[in-house]
């Protein structure tokens, strides 16, 4: 059963869901990224809330990282075994979970290791590259902006487009997005 839901959970390093990043709140940016990746359900509950209606299989991402659409698509293709948790091989707190527990506390996802021991789910590792996500802490919003804007540069653009025109376009986009 492949996941079709994204759960964003808060941890100690999370940025406020109402923080603006290139003209959108983080809540809206996560929701739109999930939608582009083909995920139909989106949850961003309070840190102590219980989730009684989570589907059996879902993707969980910390609010301290901004995932790319390609990462969420890759994770949504995983068909996890029952009672298992798949986690990124990097330090990014990104998981694919399949469980039949009726409700899960948000604090289960605060750290990968406690999640394994608390939930007693079988752990699996997912290969993830650094280009699949951007850290999102208060001091790193500028780097997250740069990561998002850099993603607009396509490999098949010509030399002048990539190195001259796109730099001008991205500088204008950065200024206009905040309005």
Foldseek 3Di string as FASTA:
>chain_A
DFAQEEEEEEAPQADDQQDDALQGGVVVLQVVLSVLLRRDYYHYDHQFDKDQPHDQKHKYFYNQKAFHSVVSNVRRPDDDDEQAKEAEPDQGLIIIGGYPDRIDHSVCSNHDVSVCVVSVGHYHYDYDDPLRMGGHGPVCSVVVNVSVLVVVQDPPDDPCCRPPVSVVVSVVSSVVSND
